[in-house]
Amino acid sequence: DRSRMDNVGQSGEVNEFLSQLNNCSERGIFVI
């Protein structure tokens, strides 16, 4: 949860995950 962290770098990592997860099924990817 980004609201509980002070690490800017880790917040960027979560943002990257959010970007990659967006409708990833359209790219043939299913995440568990």
PDB file of all heavy atoms in Angstrom:
ATOM      1  N   ASP A   1       0.840  -1.198   0.000  1.00  0.00           N
ATOM      2  CA  ASP A   1       0.000   0.000   0.000  1.00  0.00           C
ATOM      3  C   ASP A   1       0.878   1.253   0.000  1.00  0.00           C
ATOM      4  O   ASP A   1       1.643   1.497   0.933  1.00  0.00           O
ATOM      5  CB  ASP A   1      -0.894  -0.026   1.244  1.00  0.00           C
ATOM      6  CG  ASP A   1      -1.983   1.039   1.191  1.00  0.00           C
ATOM      7  OD1 ASP A   1      -1.836   2.007   0.412  1.00  0.00           O
ATOM      8  OD2 ASP A   1      -2.970   0.903   1.938  1.00  0.00           O
ATOM      9  N   ARG A   2       0.770   2.069  -1.044  1.00  0.00           N
ATOM     10  CA  ARG A   2       1.613   3.264  -1.172  1.00  0.00           C
ATOM     11  C   ARG A   2       1.324   4.308  -0.104  1.00  0.00           C
ATOM     12  O   ARG A   2       2.189   5.128   0.217  1.00  0.00           O
ATOM     13  CB  ARG A   2       1.437   3.882  -2.563  1.00  0.00           C
ATOM     14  CG  ARG A   2       2.057   3.063  -3.682  1.00  0.00           C
ATOM     15  CD  ARG A   2       1.584   3.547  -5.034  1.00  0.00           C
ATOM     16  NE  ARG A   2       0.153   3.329  -5.200  1.00  0.00           N
ATOM     17  CZ  ARG A   2      -0.556   3.756  -6.233  1.00  0.00           C
ATOM     18  NH1 ARG A   2       0.040   4.434  -7.206  1.00  0.00           N
ATOM     19  NH2 ARG A   2      -1.856   3.505  -6.306  1.00  0.00           N
ATOM     20  N   SER A   3       0.125   4.282   0.467  1.00  0.00           N
ATOM     21  CA  SER A   3      -0.214   5.266   1.504  1.00  0.00           C
ATOM     22  C   SER A   3       0.541   5.006   2.800  1.00  0.00           C
ATOM     23  O   SER A   3       0.579   5.859   3.681  1.00  0.00           O
ATOM     24  CB  SER A   3      -1.723   5.248   1.773  1.00  0.00           C
ATOM     25  OG  SER A   3      -2.123   4.017   2.366  1.00  0.00           O
ATOM     26  N   ARG A   4       1.146   3.811   2.915  1.00  0.00           N
ATOM     27  CA  ARG A   4       1.853   3.453   4.143  1.00  0.00           C
ATOM     28  C   ARG A   4       3.371   3.470   3.970  1.00  0.00           C
ATOM     29  O   ARG A   4       4.095   3.036   4.845  1.00  0.00           O
ATOM     30  CB  ARG A   4       1.432   2.047   4.596  1.00  0.00           C
ATOM     31  CG  ARG A   4      -0.052   1.889   4.862  1.00  0.00           C
ATOM     32  CD  ARG A   4      -0.366   0.471   5.295  1.00  0.00           C
ATOM     33  NE  ARG A   4      -1.793   0.270   5.501  1.00  0.00           N
ATOM     34  CZ  ARG A   4      -2.333  -0.899   5.870  1.00  0.00           C
ATOM     35  NH1 ARG A   4      -1.546  -1.938   6.078  1.00  0.00           N
ATOM     36  NH2 ARG A   4      -3.642  -1.011   6.038  1.00  0.00           N
ATOM     37  N   MET A   5       3.851   3.940   2.850  1.00  0.00           N
ATOM     38  CA  MET A   5       5.299   3.877   2.607  1.00  0.00           C
ATOM     39  C   MET A   5       5.900   5.260   2.420  1.00  0.00           C
ATOM     40  O   MET A   5       5.230   6.208   2.003  1.00  0.00           O
ATOM     41  CB  MET A   5       5.601   3.006   1.381  1.00  0.00           C
ATOM     42  CG  MET A   5       5.107   3.578   0.062  1.00  0.00           C
ATOM     43  SD  MET A   5       5.673   2.653  -1.389  1.00  0.00           S
ATOM     44  CE  MET A   5       4.788   1.102  -1.184  1.00  0.00           C
ATOM     45  N   ASP A   6       7.182   5.356   2.763  1.00  0.00           N
ATOM     46  CA  ASP A   6       7.946   6.584   2.586  1.00  0.00           C
ATOM     47  C   ASP A   6       8.969   6.456   1.454  1.00  0.00           C
ATOM     48  O   ASP A   6       9.563   7.435   1.036  1.00  0.00           O
ATOM     49  CB  ASP A   6       8.691   6.940   3.881  1.00  0.00           C
ATOM     50  CG  ASP A   6       7.742   7.179   5.045  1.00  0.00           C
ATOM     51  OD1 ASP A   6       6.674   7.788   4.815  1.00  0.00           O
ATOM     52  OD2 ASP A   6       8.046   6.741   6.170  1.00  0.00           O
ATOM     53  N   ASN A   7       9.154   5.220   0.987  1.00  0.00           N
ATOM     54  CA  ASN A   7      10.165   4.940  -0.028  1.00  0.00           C
ATOM     55  C   ASN A   7       9.629   5.293  -1.412  1.00  0.00           C
ATOM     56  O   ASN A   7       8.730   4.632  -1.939  1.00  0.00           O
ATOM     57  CB  ASN A   7      10.543   3.452   0.039  1.00  0.00           C
ATOM     58  CG  ASN A   7      11.722   3.119  -0.857  1.00  0.00           C
ATOM     59  OD1 ASN A   7      11.847   3.635  -1.958  1.00  0.00           O
ATOM     60  ND2 ASN A   7      12.594   2.241  -0.371  1.00  0.00           N
ATOM     61  N   VAL A   8      10.187   6.367  -1.986  1.00  0.00           N
ATOM     62  CA  VAL A   8       9.727   6.812  -3.317  1.00  0.00           C
ATOM     63  C   VAL A   8      10.012   5.754  -4.377  1.00  0.00           C
ATOM     64  O   VAL A   8       9.201   5.518  -5.277  1.00  0.00           O
ATOM     65  CB  VAL A   8      10.409   8.136  -3.701  1.00  0.00           C
ATOM     66  CG1 VAL A   8      10.005   8.554  -5.116  1.00  0.00           C
ATOM     67  CG2 VAL A   8      10.045   9.221  -2.702  1.00  0.00           C
ATOM     68  N   GLY A   9      11.161   5.086  -4.252  1.00  0.00           N
ATOM     69  CA  GLY A   9      11.516   4.060  -5.225  1.00  0.00           C
ATOM     70  C   GLY A   9      10.513   2.918  -5.230  1.00  0.00           C
ATOM     71  O   GLY A   9      10.107   2.441  -6.301  1.00  0.00           O
ATOM     72  N   GLN A  10      10.101   2.485  -4.036  1.00  0.00           N
ATOM     73  CA  GLN A  10       9.143   1.381  -3.960  1.00  0.00           C
ATOM     74  C   GLN A  10       7.788   1.810  -4.491  1.00  0.00           C
ATOM     75  O   GLN A  10       7.068   1.021  -5.100  1.00  0.00           O
ATOM     76  CB  GLN A  10       9.025   0.882  -2.526  1.00  0.00           C
ATOM     77  CG  GLN A  10       8.322  -0.463  -2.412  1.00  0.00           C
ATOM     78  CD  GLN A  10       8.410  -1.047  -1.019  1.00  0.00           C
ATOM     79  OE1 GLN A  10       8.603  -0.343  -0.035  1.00  0.00           O
ATOM     80  NE2 GLN A  10       8.273  -2.352  -0.932  1.00  0.00           N
ATOM     81  N   SER A  11       7.433   3.084  -4.270  1.00  0.00           N
ATOM     82  CA  SER A  11       6.179   3.599  -4.817  1.00  0.00           C
ATOM     83  C   SER A  11       6.205   3.529  -6.338  1.00  0.00           C
ATOM     84  O   SER A  11       5.202   3.192  -6.979  1.00  0.00           O
ATOM     85  CB  SER A  11       5.975   5.043  -4.356  1.00  0.00           C
ATOM     86  OG  SER A  11       4.789   5.581  -4.893  1.00  0.00           O
ATOM     87  N   GLY A  12       7.376   3.804  -6.918  1.00  0.00           N
ATOM     88  CA  GLY A  12       7.509   3.717  -8.370  1.00  0.00           C
ATOM     89  C   GLY A  12       7.349   2.298  -8.875  1.00  0.00           C
ATOM     90  O   GLY A  12       6.805   2.065  -9.963  1.00  0.00           O
ATOM     91  N   GLU A  13       7.799   1.335  -8.081  1.00  0.00           N
ATOM     92  CA  GLU A  13       7.659  -0.070  -8.451  1.00  0.00           C
ATOM     93  C   GLU A  13       6.188  -0.481  -8.475  1.00  0.00           C
ATOM     94  O   GLU A  13       5.741  -1.215  -9.367  1.00  0.00           O
ATOM     95  CB  GLU A  13       8.446  -0.941  -7.478  1.00  0.00           C
ATOM     96  CG  GLU A  13       9.952  -0.734  -7.562  1.00  0.00           C
ATOM     97  CD  GLU A  13      10.695  -1.233  -6.344  1.00  0.00           C
ATOM     98  OE1 GLU A  13      10.081  -1.973  -5.550  1.00  0.00           O
ATOM     99  OE2 GLU A  13      11.873  -0.886  -6.172  1.00  0.00           O
ATOM    100  N   VAL A  14       5.432  -0.013  -7.491  1.00  0.00           N
ATOM    101  CA  VAL A  14       3.996  -0.298  -7.470  1.00  0.00           C
ATOM    102  C   VAL A  14       3.324   0.333  -8.679  1.00  0.00           C
ATOM    103  O   VAL A  14       2.465  -0.282  -9.325  1.00  0.00           O
ATOM    104  CB  VAL A  14       3.350   0.210  -6.165  1.00  0.00           C
ATOM    105  CG1 VAL A  14       1.833  -0.001  -6.206  1.00  0.00           C
ATOM    106  CG2 VAL A  14       3.943  -0.498  -4.956  1.00  0.00           C
ATOM    107  N   ASN A  15       3.720   1.563  -8.996  1.00  0.00           N
ATOM    108  CA  ASN A  15       3.155   2.235 -10.176  1.00  0.00           C
ATOM    109  C   ASN A  15       3.436   1.449 -11.456  1.00  0.00           C
ATOM    110  O   ASN A  15       2.594   1.379 -12.357  1.00  0.00           O
ATOM    111  CB  ASN A  15       3.729   3.650 -10.304  1.00  0.00           C
ATOM    112  CG  ASN A  15       3.230   4.582  -9.224  1.00  0.00           C
ATOM    113  OD1 ASN A  15       2.151   4.367  -8.667  1.00  0.00           O
ATOM    114  ND2 ASN A  15       4.009   5.608  -8.912  1.00  0.00           N
ATOM    115  N   GLU A  16       4.640   0.870 -11.533  1.00  0.00           N
ATOM    116  CA  GLU A  16       4.988   0.064 -12.706  1.00  0.00           C
ATOM    117  C   GLU A  16       4.098  -1.166 -12.789  1.00  0.00           C
ATOM    118  O   GLU A  16       3.628  -1.536 -13.872  1.00  0.00           O
ATOM    119  CB  GLU A  16       6.455  -0.346 -12.650  1.00  0.00           C
ATOM    120  CG  GLU A  16       6.932  -1.165 -13.852  1.00  0.00           C
ATOM    121  CD  GLU A  16       6.884  -0.404 -15.153  1.00  0.00           C
ATOM    122  OE1 GLU A  16       7.095   0.830 -15.133  1.00  0.00           O
ATOM    123  OE2 GLU A  16       6.630  -1.019 -16.203  1.00  0.00           O
ATOM    124  N   PHE A  17       3.855  -1.810 -11.642  1.00  0.00           N
ATOM    125  CA  PHE A  17       2.955  -2.963 -11.616  1.00  0.00           C
ATOM    126  C   PHE A  17       1.557  -2.553 -12.078  1.00  0.00           C
ATOM    127  O   PHE A  17       0.909  -3.264 -12.860  1.00  0.00           O
ATOM    128  CB  PHE A  17       2.876  -3.553 -10.206  1.00  0.00           C
ATOM    129  CG  PHE A  17       3.715  -4.777 -10.008  1.00  0.00           C
ATOM    130  CD1 PHE A  17       4.831  -4.733  -9.192  1.00  0.00           C
ATOM    131  CD2 PHE A  17       3.394  -5.981 -10.629  1.00  0.00           C
ATOM    132  CE1 PHE A  17       5.618  -5.862  -9.005  1.00  0.00           C
ATOM    133  CE2 PHE A  17       4.171  -7.112 -10.450  1.00  0.00           C
ATOM    134  CZ  PHE A  17       5.287  -7.052  -9.629  1.00  0.00           C
ATOM    135  N   LEU A  18       1.076  -1.418 -11.604  1.00  0.00           N
ATOM    136  CA  LEU A  18      -0.258  -0.953 -11.988  1.00  0.00           C
ATOM    137  C   LEU A  18      -0.346  -0.766 -13.498  1.00  0.00           C
ATOM    138  O   LEU A  18      -1.334  -1.145 -14.128  1.00  0.00           O
ATOM    139  CB  LEU A  18      -0.578   0.365 -11.277  1.00  0.00           C
ATOM    140  CG  LEU A  18      -0.741   0.302  -9.757  1.00  0.00           C
ATOM    141  CD1 LEU A  18      -0.944   1.700  -9.180  1.00  0.00           C
ATOM    142  CD2 LEU A  18      -1.906  -0.596  -9.372  1.00  0.00           C
ATOM    143  N   SER A  19       0.701  -0.188 -14.060  1.00  0.00           N
ATOM    144  CA  SER A  19       0.736   0.038 -15.510  1.00  0.00           C
ATOM    145  C   SER A  19       0.723  -1.284 -16.267  1.00  0.00           C
ATOM    146  O   SER A  19      -0.010  -1.442 -17.256  1.00  0.00           O
ATOM    147  CB  SER A  19       1.979   0.848 -15.874  1.00  0.00           C
ATOM    148  OG  SER A  19       2.103   0.992 -17.272  1.00  0.00           O
ATOM    149  N   GLN A  20       1.527  -2.241 -15.823  1.00  0.00           N
ATOM    150  CA  GLN A  20       1.629  -3.528 -16.516  1.00  0.00           C
ATOM    151  C   GLN A  20       0.367  -4.378 -16.344  1.00  0.00           C
ATOM    152  O   GLN A  20       0.002  -5.144 -17.241  1.00  0.00           O
ATOM    153  CB  GLN A  20       2.844  -4.303 -16.003  1.00  0.00           C
ATOM    154  CG  GLN A  20       4.185  -3.657 -16.303  1.00  0.00           C
ATOM    155  CD  GLN A  20       4.500  -3.632 -17.787  1.00  0.00           C
ATOM    156  OE1 GLN A  20       3.939  -4.378 -18.584  1.00  0.00           O
ATOM    157  NE2 GLN A  20       5.430  -2.752 -18.176  1.00  0.00           N
ATOM    158  N   LEU A  21      -0.294  -4.235 -15.194  1.00  0.00           N
ATOM    159  CA  LEU A  21      -1.496  -5.034 -14.928  1.00  0.00           C
ATOM    160  C   LEU A  21      -2.706  -4.537 -15.706  1.00  0.00           C
ATOM    161  O   LEU A  21      -3.651  -5.299 -15.933  1.00  0.00           O
ATOM    162  CB  LEU A  21      -1.824  -5.018 -13.433  1.00  0.00           C
ATOM    163  CG  LEU A  21      -0.917  -5.848 -12.520  1.00  0.00           C
ATOM    164  CD1 LEU A  21      -1.208  -5.529 -11.054  1.00  0.00           C
ATOM    165  CD2 LEU A  21      -1.108  -7.340 -12.778  1.00  0.00           C
ATOM    166  N   ASN A  22      -2.697  -3.277 -16.102  1.00  0.00           N
ATOM    167  CA  ASN A  22      -3.850  -2.710 -16.808  1.00  0.00           C
ATOM    168  C   ASN A  22      -4.198  -3.529 -18.049  1.00  0.00           C
ATOM    169  O   ASN A  22      -3.452  -3.538 -19.025  1.00  0.00           O
ATOM    170  CB  ASN A  22      -3.568  -1.261 -17.222  1.00  0.00           C
ATOM    171  CG  ASN A  22      -3.911  -0.270 -16.129  1.00  0.00           C
ATOM    172  OD1 ASN A  22      -4.781  -0.521 -15.308  1.00  0.00           O
ATOM    173  ND2 ASN A  22      -3.209   0.858 -16.116  1.00  0.00           N
ATOM    174  N   ASN A  23      -5.336  -4.227 -17.973  1.00  0.00           N
ATOM    175  CA  ASN A  23      -5.819  -5.008 -19.115  1.00  0.00           C
ATOM    176  C   ASN A  23      -4.737  -5.897 -19.726  1.00  0.00           C
ATOM    177  O   ASN A  23      -4.640  -6.031 -20.953  1.00  0.00           O
ATOM    178  CB  ASN A  23      -6.382  -4.064 -20.178  1.00  0.00           C
ATOM    179  CG  ASN A  23      -7.536  -3.229 -19.658  1.00  0.00           C
ATOM    180  OD1 ASN A  23      -8.434  -3.753 -19.003  1.00  0.00           O
ATOM    181  ND2 ASN A  23      -7.512  -1.943 -19.921  1.00  0.00           N
ATOM    182  N   CYS A  24      -3.917  -6.517 -18.865  1.00  0.00           N
ATOM    183  CA  CYS A  24      -2.842  -7.373 -19.382  1.00  0.00           C
ATOM    184  C   CYS A  24      -3.380  -8.602 -20.108  1.00  0.00           C
ATOM    185  O   CYS A  24      -2.664  -9.227 -20.891  1.00  0.00           O
ATOM    186  CB  CYS A  24      -1.892  -7.787 -18.256  1.00  0.00           C
ATOM    187  SG  CYS A  24      -2.635  -8.750 -16.931  1.00  0.00           S
ATOM    188  N   SER A  25      -4.641  -8.938 -19.883  1.00  0.00           N
ATOM    189  CA  SER A  25      -5.230 -10.089 -20.584  1.00  0.00           C
ATOM    190  C   SER A  25      -5.246  -9.863 -22.090  1.00  0.00           C
ATOM    191  O   SER A  25      -5.193 -10.815 -22.874  1.00  0.00           O
ATOM    192  CB  SER A  25      -6.652 -10.345 -20.084  1.00  0.00           C
ATOM    193  OG  SER A  25      -7.495  -9.229 -20.346  1.00  0.00           O
ATOM    194  N   GLU A  26      -5.320  -8.602 -22.495  1.00  0.00           N
ATOM    195  CA  GLU A  26      -5.309  -8.288 -23.927  1.00  0.00           C
ATOM    196  C   GLU A  26      -3.960  -8.614 -24.557  1.00  0.00           C
ATOM    197  O   GLU A  26      -3.846  -8.712 -25.774  1.00  0.00           O
ATOM    198  CB  GLU A  26      -5.658  -6.809 -24.129  1.00  0.00           C
ATOM    199  CG  GLU A  26      -7.075  -6.464 -23.676  1.00  0.00           C
ATOM    200  CD  GLU A  26      -7.371  -4.980 -23.795  1.00  0.00           C
ATOM    201  OE1 GLU A  26      -6.497  -4.232 -24.292  1.00  0.00           O
ATOM    202  OE2 GLU A  26      -8.474  -4.571 -23.393  1.00  0.00           O
ATOM    203  N   ARG A  27      -2.940  -8.779 -23.714  1.00  0.00           N
ATOM    204  CA  ARG A  27      -1.602  -9.159 -24.188  1.00  0.00           C
ATOM    205  C   ARG A  27      -1.367 -10.654 -24.018  1.00  0.00           C
ATOM    206  O   ARG A  27      -0.256 -11.138 -24.216  1.00  0.00           O
ATOM    207  CB  ARG A  27      -0.546  -8.368 -23.414  1.00  0.00           C
ATOM    208  CG  ARG A  27      -0.675  -6.873 -23.569  1.00  0.00           C
ATOM    209  CD  ARG A  27       0.051  -6.118 -22.457  1.00  0.00           C
ATOM    210  NE  ARG A  27       1.478  -6.391 -22.432  1.00  0.00           N
ATOM    211  CZ  ARG A  27       2.292  -5.997 -21.451  1.00  0.00           C
ATOM    212  NH1 ARG A  27       1.795  -5.323 -20.418  1.00  0.00           N
ATOM    213  NH2 ARG A  27       3.572  -6.280 -21.495  1.00  0.00           N
ATOM    214  N   GLY A  28      -2.414 -11.387 -23.605  1.00  0.00           N
ATOM    215  CA  GLY A  28      -2.286 -12.836 -23.418  1.00  0.00           C
ATOM    216  C   GLY A  28      -1.665 -13.225 -22.092  1.00  0.00           C
ATOM    217  O   GLY A  28      -1.111 -14.319 -21.967  1.00  0.00           O
ATOM    218  N   ILE A  29      -1.762 -12.342 -21.098  1.00  0.00           N
ATOM    219  CA  ILE A  29      -1.146 -12.585 -19.799  1.00  0.00           C
ATOM    220  C   ILE A  29      -2.222 -12.692 -18.727  1.00  0.00           C
ATOM    221  O   ILE A  29      -3.109 -11.830 -18.626  1.00  0.00           O
ATOM    222  CB  ILE A  29      -0.178 -11.447 -19.422  1.00  0.00           C
ATOM    223  CG1 ILE A  29       0.921 -11.297 -20.478  1.00  0.00           C
ATOM    224  CG2 ILE A  29       0.434 -11.689 -18.042  1.00  0.00           C
ATOM    225  CD1 ILE A  29       1.774 -10.044 -20.308  1.00  0.00           C
ATOM    226  N   PHE A  30      -2.147 -13.735 -17.923  1.00  0.00           N
ATOM    227  CA  PHE A  30      -3.027 -13.871 -16.762  1.00  0.00           C
ATOM    228  C   PHE A  30      -2.160 -13.918 -15.516  1.00  0.00           C
ATOM    229  O   PHE A  30      -1.191 -14.671 -15.450  1.00  0.00           O
ATOM    230  CB  PHE A  30      -3.885 -15.134 -16.851  1.00  0.00           C
ATOM    231  CG  PHE A  30      -4.816 -15.293 -15.681  1.00  0.00           C
ATOM    232  CD1 PHE A  30      -5.954 -14.509 -15.584  1.00  0.00           C
ATOM    233  CD2 PHE A  30      -4.539 -16.184 -14.659  1.00  0.00           C
ATOM    234  CE1 PHE A  30      -6.807 -14.627 -14.483  1.00  0.00           C
ATOM    235  CE2 PHE A  30      -5.382 -16.314 -13.568  1.00  0.00           C
ATOM    236  CZ  PHE A  30      -6.517 -15.526 -13.486  1.00  0.00           C
ATOM    237  N   VAL A  31      -2.496 -13.105 -14.529  1.00  0.00           N
ATOM    238  CA  VAL A  31      -1.697 -12.982 -13.315  1.00  0.00           C
ATOM    239  C   VAL A  31      -2.393 -13.656 -12.138  1.00  0.00           C
ATOM    240  O   VAL A  31      -3.595 -13.458 -11.921  1.00  0.00           O
ATOM    241  CB  VAL A  31      -1.438 -11.496 -12.974  1.00  0.00           C
ATOM    242  CG1 VAL A  31      -0.817 -11.356 -11.585  1.00  0.00           C
ATOM    243  CG2 VAL A  31      -0.522 -10.865 -14.026  1.00  0.00           C
ATOM    244  N   ILE A  32      -1.631 -14.461 -11.392  1.00  0.00           N
ATOM    245  CA  ILE A  32      -2.118 -15.010 -10.130  1.00  0.00           C
ATOM    246  C   ILE A  32      -1.214 -14.480  -9.023  1.00  0.00           C
ATOM    247  O   ILE A  32       0.016 -14.621  -9.084  1.00  0.00           O
ATOM    248  CB  ILE A  32      -2.080 -16.551 -10.111  1.00  0.00           C
ATOM    249  CG1 ILE A  32      -2.989 -17.123 -11.198  1.00  0.00           C
ATOM    250  CG2 ILE A  32      -2.519 -17.086  -8.741  1.00  0.00           C
ATOM    251  CD1 ILE A  32      -2.953 -18.654 -11.272  1.00  0.00           C
TER     252      ILE A  32
END
